[in-house]
Structure formats: C-alpha cells, structure tokens
Amino acid sequence: MNTNTQELTEIYDFEVVDAFGKWCKVYNDGNHFIGSIAIHHTGKHKNKYKLTDEIRYFDNLYIIACKNGLTHTALYDFLKNGMLNEFPLMQDVDNFVEKHIQRKIHNFYARIKRFTRKAHLNKWNKFVTITYDDKKHTAESFKRKLKKCLSNLHCRRGWNYMGVFEYAPETQRLHFHALMYIPNGQMVGEVVERKDYSTAQKKMQTTLINTFFEKKFGRNDFEDLSAEDLKFGHALEYLTKYLHKTNEKIVYSRGIPTELSMYIANTDIATEFEDFVLKFVLFDDCIDSDCVYTPYEPPQYEQSSLELCCV
C-alpha cells in the first residue's frame, strides 16, 4: 500500500484500494459509468470572491447581457461601460471585467456538467412543459406557485424533477421545461390527448395535457420519456439550450444525486484514463439499475386531497 492509499485509509477507516477493487465516486457521462477513487476533502469550501457591490452589479449586468445574446467583444464592451457608468472611479476595470467574465463562464459550465450528470444518473419518465394562463397568474405568481406545487408533490407523492424557467423569444411568455420522474400511481389529475393548432409550428399538433396543471396554471404537455429518449433524443439538449440563452437557475427537487459512492471490483473496470485525476470506464452491466434508481415510493392518496399541493 503506497503512502497516498495509507492516508486515504486513515481518513475513511477502511481500505480505499485493495487487491480486488476500490471505493469510487461514480457518475454517468451519458455513454458509460465513470469512476474515480473517492477522496475525502477536509475543510470547508471557501468562496474565492467576497460579494461586493461591484460584483453584485456585474452579475446583474451579465444576466442582462445573456438575455440580449451578447458575446465576445460586444459582451466585454457592454460590461465595461456598465461598470464605469455605475463606478466611474473604479480602477483596473479591464482586469476586473475579464476576471469575472471567466468566473461566470466557469460557473456556467460547472452547472451544465452537474445538470447533465444528474440527468443521466437518475430515472425520468416525463418531459414536461408548463406555461401559464393570464387569467390565472402573472409571470411572478406562476413561478412562485409552480415551485411550491412541485415541492409539495415531491414530498407527498415522490415526484422528482429538474428543469428551468424560460421566456419565449417571440412572446416573452414564461415557460417551465423539466425532466420528471412520477412514480407509478402517483400522477395527479388525468393526462388526456388534445389536438390543437400550433401558431409557432403553423400546423396541428397532438399534446398530452394534464388536467390538474391545466386547471391550476394553464397550458402544459406531459410527454412520455424513456431512457433511450433521454440518451438519443433532444430533451437534454433542449433544456441546456435554455440555460445557455437565459442563464436561469436550475430548479431541482431534493435528493437527486450527481454521483454515487460505491465499491468497484477490478473486474468491472473496462479501461482507465487521465482527466486531471485517474478515472475508470466501467462495464455497462456492472451497476444494477436498482442501485442507481432509488426514487421514493410514497403511499397512495385519494385524488380529492391533491388540491393541497398548490397551496
């Protein structure tokens, strides 16, 4: 056992690496399960940047720039001019703007990586789009009430979800797009087929409308989603596209893992490679799906009690 392994053993109080395998952090990159030796990091994460008035103002400007589609030189000039207008005595503004553009880009791709790994590691069976009816909500009340509703459905009926709010470019109407896992027997309302005319696509279309969400919020589509659809379809690409355009925060239900901590036998490793650290490509059948997909299965409820979900 080398020195590094001895140090890990002292931290974990068991052998991290032995003759038969190793304890790993395991995630799914969309094609394979990938493992790396689990290392326990002591100490708390420290924020590199103290949140000052300048950084707060920069972050607000950056959101505006993203929504207006600014990139490269146009982005840099917009941010620099905005900072100088608000803080005319600011020194070394060029370095400030460059450094914090890199911070925002790094944070964005970290969010995309986390979002993608969660999507491929967990189980989903619906791709959902929800928009609001002007007679029922404003954009602000729609966002607040829908998040509360989904949180209650997660706690009471075991729904898992991860999605993003987005303003449609043409109409500026707020939508919510999400991957969802709805346990068997835990659907609220009814899902019915409905045909109508799509003004965006300029043709008739068939959608699966959930009557509960239609009554509470407005138009929606609860499309069935299989593991193959997620892997080879466009659902994930569709969601990450909106993250690129709007820089919106991702809405997650609690308890959706990004990675697993588990013992991997040497015979389960297909190959290894270097990606800043040593990583292992695992055989597809080495991890039982029941080990990965363990969503909460709540007790059955009567439909009459479901109105509480949107309180």
Protein backbone atom coordinates (compact mmCIF):
# COMPACT_ATOMS: atom_id res chain seq x y z
CA MET A 1 0.00 0.00 0.00
CA ASN A 2 1.52 3.35 -1.03
CA THR A 3 1.60 6.49 1.10
CA ASN A 4 -1.40 8.07 -0.61
CA THR A 5 -3.52 4.97 -0.04
CA GLN A 6 -2.45 4.86 3.62
CA GLU A 7 -3.59 8.46 4.06
CA LEU A 8 -6.95 7.67 2.47
CA THR A 9 -7.33 4.61 4.69
CA GLU A 10 -6.79 6.72 7.80
CA ILE A 11 -9.48 9.18 6.64
CA TYR A 12 -12.09 6.55 5.79
CA ASP A 13 -11.19 3.98 8.47
CA PHE A 14 -11.19 1.24 5.78
CA GLU A 15 -9.08 0.38 2.74
CA VAL A 16 -9.98 2.64 -0.19
CA VAL A 17 -7.95 0.45 -2.56
CA ASP A 18 -7.31 -3.26 -2.07
CA ALA A 19 -6.25 -6.20 -4.22
CA PHE A 20 -9.79 -6.77 -5.55
CA GLY A 21 -11.12 -3.28 -6.20
CA LYS A 22 -11.53 0.25 -4.93
CA TRP A 23 -14.04 2.67 -3.46
CA CYS A 24 -15.04 5.15 -6.14
CA LYS A 25 -17.20 8.14 -6.88
CA VAL A 26 -19.27 7.05 -9.89
CA TYR A 27 -21.17 9.23 -12.36
CA ASN A 28 -22.72 8.67 -15.79
CA ASP A 29 -21.49 10.83 -18.70
CA GLY A 30 -24.36 9.79 -20.97
CA ASN A 31 -22.50 6.84 -22.50
CA HIS A 32 -20.79 5.00 -19.66
CA PHE A 33 -20.42 4.91 -15.92
CA ILE A 34 -17.17 6.63 -14.93
CA GLY A 35 -15.42 6.10 -11.59
CA SER A 36 -12.61 7.85 -9.75
CA ILE A 37 -11.06 6.91 -6.41
CA ALA A 38 -13.08 8.52 -3.62
CA ILE A 39 -11.07 11.13 -1.75
CA HIS A 40 -12.41 12.81 1.34
CA HIS A 41 -11.66 16.54 1.30
CA THR A 42 -11.23 18.00 4.75
CA GLY A 43 -12.05 21.63 5.43
CA LYS A 44 -14.87 23.81 4.17
CA HIS A 45 -15.08 25.24 0.69
CA LYS A 46 -14.18 28.90 0.72
CA ASN A 47 -15.67 31.35 -1.74
CA LYS A 48 -12.84 32.86 -3.73
CA TYR A 49 -14.65 36.17 -4.19
CA LYS A 50 -16.12 38.34 -1.48
CA LEU A 51 -19.56 39.54 -2.59
CA THR A 52 -19.07 43.30 -3.02
CA ASP A 53 -21.35 45.95 -4.55
CA GLU A 54 -19.20 45.83 -7.69
CA ILE A 55 -19.62 42.06 -8.08
CA ARG A 56 -23.37 42.24 -7.43
CA TYR A 57 -23.75 44.93 -10.08
CA PHE A 58 -21.57 42.99 -12.52
CA ASP A 59 -23.69 39.86 -12.05
CA ASN A 60 -26.88 41.82 -12.81
CA LEU A 61 -25.29 43.30 -15.93
CA TYR A 62 -24.15 39.84 -17.02
CA ILE A 63 -27.72 38.47 -16.81
CA ILE A 64 -28.98 41.36 -18.96
CA ALA A 65 -26.19 40.72 -21.48
CA CYS A 66 -27.05 37.00 -21.68
CA LYS A 67 -30.75 37.71 -22.27
CA ASN A 68 -29.77 40.07 -25.11
CA GLY A 69 -27.47 37.47 -26.67
CA LEU A 70 -24.26 39.47 -26.30
CA THR A 71 -20.97 37.58 -26.76
CA HIS A 72 -17.27 38.22 -27.20
CA THR A 73 -16.37 41.89 -27.84
CA ALA A 74 -19.96 43.12 -27.53
CA LEU A 75 -20.28 41.39 -24.15
CA TYR A 76 -16.99 42.82 -22.90
CA ASP A 77 -17.79 46.37 -24.04
CA PHE A 78 -21.29 46.26 -22.53
CA LEU A 79 -19.96 45.10 -19.15
CA LYS A 80 -17.06 47.54 -19.09
CA ASN A 81 -19.23 50.54 -19.99
CA GLY A 82 -21.86 49.48 -17.47
CA MET A 83 -19.32 49.19 -14.65
CA LEU A 84 -17.77 52.59 -15.49
CA ASN A 85 -21.20 54.24 -15.58
CA GLU A 86 -22.01 52.94 -12.09
CA PHE A 87 -18.48 53.15 -10.63
CA PRO A 88 -16.67 55.95 -12.52
CA LEU A 89 -13.69 55.92 -10.14
CA MET A 90 -13.16 52.16 -10.45
CA GLN A 91 -9.52 51.22 -11.02
CA ASP A 92 -8.26 48.46 -13.33
CA VAL A 93 -11.74 47.91 -14.78
CA ASP A 94 -10.37 45.88 -17.71
CA ASN A 95 -8.85 43.26 -15.42
CA PHE A 96 -12.00 43.21 -13.25
CA VAL A 97 -14.31 42.60 -16.21
CA GLU A 98 -12.06 39.95 -17.76
CA LYS A 99 -11.64 38.07 -14.48
CA HIS A 100 -15.34 37.99 -13.69
CA ILE A 101 -16.35 37.01 -17.23
CA GLN A 102 -14.11 33.97 -16.77
CA ARG A 103 -15.74 33.33 -13.38
CA LYS A 104 -19.22 33.36 -14.90
CA ILE A 105 -18.17 31.10 -17.78
CA HIS A 106 -16.53 28.62 -15.38
CA ASN A 107 -19.61 28.58 -13.12
CA PHE A 108 -21.91 28.13 -16.11
CA TYR A 109 -20.09 25.07 -17.44
CA ALA A 110 -19.91 23.63 -13.91
CA ARG A 111 -23.71 23.93 -13.75
CA ILE A 112 -24.10 22.29 -17.15
CA LYS A 113 -21.84 19.40 -16.09
CA ARG A 114 -23.76 18.90 -12.85
CA PHE A 115 -27.10 19.12 -14.66
CA THR A 116 -26.03 16.58 -17.31
CA ARG A 117 -24.65 14.11 -14.78
CA LYS A 118 -27.82 14.28 -12.70
CA ALA A 119 -29.91 13.75 -15.83
CA HIS A 120 -28.04 10.60 -16.88
CA LEU A 121 -27.62 9.10 -13.41
CA ASN A 122 -31.26 9.31 -12.31
CA LYS A 123 -34.52 7.92 -13.64
CA TRP A 124 -37.01 10.07 -15.59
CA ASN A 125 -40.27 9.15 -17.30
CA LYS A 126 -41.75 12.52 -18.40
CA PHE A 127 -40.59 15.57 -20.34
CA VAL A 128 -42.87 18.36 -19.18
CA THR A 129 -43.59 21.86 -20.46
CA ILE A 130 -45.87 24.19 -18.47
CA THR A 131 -46.90 27.74 -19.29
CA TYR A 132 -49.36 29.99 -17.52
CA ASP A 133 -52.76 31.39 -18.36
CA ASP A 134 -53.00 35.21 -17.99
CA LYS A 135 -56.38 34.75 -16.29
CA LYS A 136 -54.78 32.62 -13.55
CA HIS A 137 -51.29 34.05 -12.98
CA THR A 138 -48.72 36.69 -13.64
CA ALA A 139 -45.20 35.52 -14.52
CA GLU A 140 -44.10 36.09 -10.92
CA SER A 141 -47.00 34.23 -9.31
CA PHE A 142 -46.69 31.39 -11.85
CA LYS A 143 -43.03 30.88 -10.97
CA ARG A 144 -43.64 31.03 -7.22
CA LYS A 145 -46.76 28.84 -7.16
CA LEU A 146 -45.38 26.22 -9.54
CA LYS A 147 -42.20 25.78 -7.50
CA LYS A 148 -44.32 25.38 -4.35
CA CYS A 149 -46.63 22.90 -6.09
CA LEU A 150 -43.75 20.75 -7.36
CA SER A 151 -42.07 20.84 -3.94
CA ASN A 152 -45.26 19.53 -2.34
CA LEU A 153 -45.63 16.82 -4.99
CA HIS A 154 -42.04 15.76 -4.32
CA CYS A 155 -42.67 15.46 -0.57
CA ARG A 156 -46.14 13.91 -0.73
CA ARG A 157 -46.05 11.83 -3.90
CA GLY A 158 -42.39 11.18 -4.59
CA TRP A 159 -42.07 13.28 -7.75
CA ASN A 160 -38.53 14.14 -8.80
CA TYR A 161 -37.83 16.97 -11.21
CA MET A 162 -35.08 19.14 -12.66
CA GLY A 163 -35.86 21.97 -15.03
CA VAL A 164 -35.53 25.60 -15.99
CA PHE A 165 -37.81 28.59 -16.47
CA GLU A 166 -37.53 30.33 -19.84
CA TYR A 167 -39.04 33.35 -21.55
CA ALA A 168 -40.10 32.59 -25.14
CA PRO A 169 -38.09 34.82 -27.53
CA GLU A 170 -41.11 35.81 -29.65
CA THR A 171 -43.81 36.32 -26.99
CA GLN A 172 -41.68 36.77 -23.84
CA ARG A 173 -44.11 34.40 -22.11
CA LEU A 174 -42.64 32.39 -19.23
CA HIS A 175 -42.47 28.61 -19.61
CA PHE A 176 -41.13 25.82 -17.42
CA HIS A 177 -39.37 22.86 -19.06
CA ALA A 178 -38.37 19.86 -16.95
CA LEU A 179 -37.40 16.22 -16.74
CA MET A 180 -39.67 14.48 -14.24
CA TYR A 181 -39.97 11.12 -12.55
CA ILE A 182 -43.54 10.39 -11.45
CA PRO A 183 -43.88 7.08 -9.53
CA ASN A 184 -46.45 4.57 -10.66
CA GLY A 185 -49.89 5.51 -9.34
CA GLN A 186 -48.80 8.99 -8.19
CA MET A 187 -49.99 11.10 -11.13
CA VAL A 188 -52.32 13.97 -10.21
CA GLY A 189 -55.32 14.78 -12.36
CA GLU A 190 -55.65 12.99 -15.69
CA VAL A 191 -53.42 13.03 -18.75
CA VAL A 192 -55.54 13.32 -21.89
CA GLU A 193 -54.75 13.74 -25.60
CA ARG A 194 -55.69 17.03 -27.17
CA LYS A 195 -55.31 18.28 -30.74
CA ASP A 196 -54.95 21.97 -31.49
CA TYR A 197 -53.22 24.37 -33.86
CA SER A 198 -49.65 25.43 -33.08
CA THR A 199 -49.04 29.04 -34.11
CA ALA A 200 -45.27 28.52 -33.72
CA GLN A 201 -45.12 25.43 -35.96
CA LYS A 202 -48.11 26.51 -38.08
CA LYS A 203 -49.72 23.07 -38.06
CA MET A 204 -52.00 20.84 -36.00
CA GLN A 205 -50.34 19.03 -33.13
CA THR A 206 -51.28 16.43 -30.52
CA THR A 207 -50.28 17.08 -26.91
CA LEU A 208 -50.77 15.19 -23.64
CA ILE A 209 -52.47 17.66 -21.30
CA ASN A 210 -52.54 17.15 -17.52
CA THR A 211 -55.94 18.39 -16.31
CA PHE A 212 -54.70 19.25 -12.81
CA PHE A 213 -51.94 21.55 -14.06
CA GLU A 214 -54.23 22.96 -16.75
CA LYS A 215 -56.73 24.00 -14.09
CA LYS A 216 -54.12 25.46 -11.74
CA PHE A 217 -51.70 27.05 -14.22
CA GLY A 218 -52.61 26.73 -17.87
CA ARG A 219 -51.33 25.01 -20.98
CA ASN A 220 -48.97 22.05 -20.49
CA ASP A 221 -47.55 18.95 -22.15
CA PHE A 222 -46.66 15.75 -20.23
CA GLU A 223 -44.70 13.82 -22.86
CA ASP A 224 -43.59 10.25 -22.08
CA LEU A 225 -39.81 9.88 -21.81
CA SER A 226 -37.78 6.65 -21.86
CA ALA A 227 -34.10 6.12 -21.05
CA GLU A 228 -33.44 5.77 -24.79
CA ASP A 229 -35.27 9.04 -25.49
CA LEU A 230 -33.06 10.82 -22.96
CA LYS A 231 -29.86 9.30 -24.31
CA PHE A 232 -30.54 9.59 -28.04
CA GLY A 233 -33.26 12.25 -28.22
CA HIS A 234 -33.19 16.00 -27.85
CA ALA A 235 -34.76 16.53 -24.41
CA LEU A 236 -31.49 17.21 -22.60
CA GLU A 237 -30.16 19.35 -25.44
CA TYR A 238 -33.42 21.30 -25.36
CA LEU A 239 -33.03 22.09 -21.66
CA THR A 240 -29.34 23.03 -21.78
CA LYS A 241 -30.10 25.33 -24.73
CA TYR A 242 -32.26 27.45 -22.45
CA LEU A 243 -29.53 27.55 -19.84
CA HIS A 244 -27.22 28.99 -22.50
CA LYS A 245 -29.75 31.61 -23.55
CA THR A 246 -31.11 32.85 -20.23
CA ASN A 247 -28.55 31.94 -17.54
CA GLU A 248 -31.53 30.99 -15.36
CA LYS A 249 -31.06 28.98 -12.19
CA ILE A 250 -31.94 25.28 -12.42
CA VAL A 251 -34.87 24.10 -10.32
CA TYR A 252 -34.15 20.76 -8.61
CA SER A 253 -36.15 18.56 -6.28
CA ARG A 254 -34.20 17.42 -3.24
CA GLY A 255 -32.12 14.26 -3.14
CA ILE A 256 -31.14 13.94 -6.82
CA PRO A 257 -27.57 12.60 -6.71
CA THR A 258 -24.84 13.74 -9.08
CA GLU A 259 -22.64 10.74 -8.26
CA LEU A 260 -22.61 7.53 -6.23
CA SER A 261 -20.07 6.33 -3.71
CA MET A 262 -19.58 2.59 -4.09
CA TYR A 263 -17.05 -0.25 -4.16
CA ILE A 264 -15.97 -1.16 -7.70
CA ALA A 265 -14.34 -4.55 -8.33
CA ASN A 266 -11.31 -4.64 -10.63
CA THR A 267 -13.22 -6.98 -12.96
CA ASP A 268 -15.84 -4.24 -13.52
CA ILE A 269 -13.28 -1.80 -14.97
CA ALA A 270 -13.10 -1.73 -18.78
CA THR A 271 -10.21 0.74 -19.05
CA GLU A 272 -8.69 3.76 -17.36
CA PHE A 273 -7.69 7.24 -18.47
CA GLU A 274 -6.34 10.52 -17.12
CA ASP A 275 -8.65 13.53 -16.77
CA PHE A 276 -6.81 15.66 -14.20
CA VAL A 277 -7.14 12.56 -11.99
CA LEU A 278 -7.12 8.84 -12.77
CA LYS A 279 -10.56 7.70 -13.91
CA PHE A 280 -12.06 4.33 -14.84
CA VAL A 281 -14.56 3.44 -17.57
CA LEU A 282 -16.86 0.78 -16.11
CA PHE A 283 -18.66 -2.01 -17.93
CA ASP A 284 -22.29 -1.07 -18.59
CA ASP A 285 -23.69 -4.03 -16.66
CA CYS A 286 -21.51 -3.62 -13.56
CA ILE A 287 -24.04 -1.39 -11.76
CA ASP A 288 -27.50 -2.72 -11.04
CA SER A 289 -30.18 -0.22 -12.07
CA ASP A 290 -31.90 -0.81 -8.73
CA CYS A 291 -28.75 0.51 -7.08
CA VAL A 292 -28.85 3.73 -9.09
CA TYR A 293 -32.56 4.40 -9.38
CA THR A 294 -33.98 4.51 -5.88
CA PRO A 295 -36.74 7.14 -6.02
CA TYR A 296 -39.06 7.40 -3.05
CA GLU A 297 -42.31 5.47 -3.45
CA PRO A 298 -44.93 7.17 -1.24
CA PRO A 299 -48.25 5.70 -0.07
CA GLN A 300 -51.33 6.06 -2.27
CA TYR A 301 -53.57 9.11 -1.82
CA GLU A 302 -57.06 9.93 -2.92
CA GLN A 303 -57.36 12.48 -5.73
CA SER A 304 -59.57 14.69 -3.53
CA SER A 305 -56.61 15.53 -1.28
CA LEU A 306 -54.46 16.80 -4.14
CA GLU A 307 -55.73 20.40 -4.07
CA LEU A 308 -53.36 20.95 -1.13
CA CYS A 309 -50.40 20.59 -3.49
CA CYS A 310 -50.73 24.12 -4.82
CA VAL A 311 -51.30 25.92 -1.53
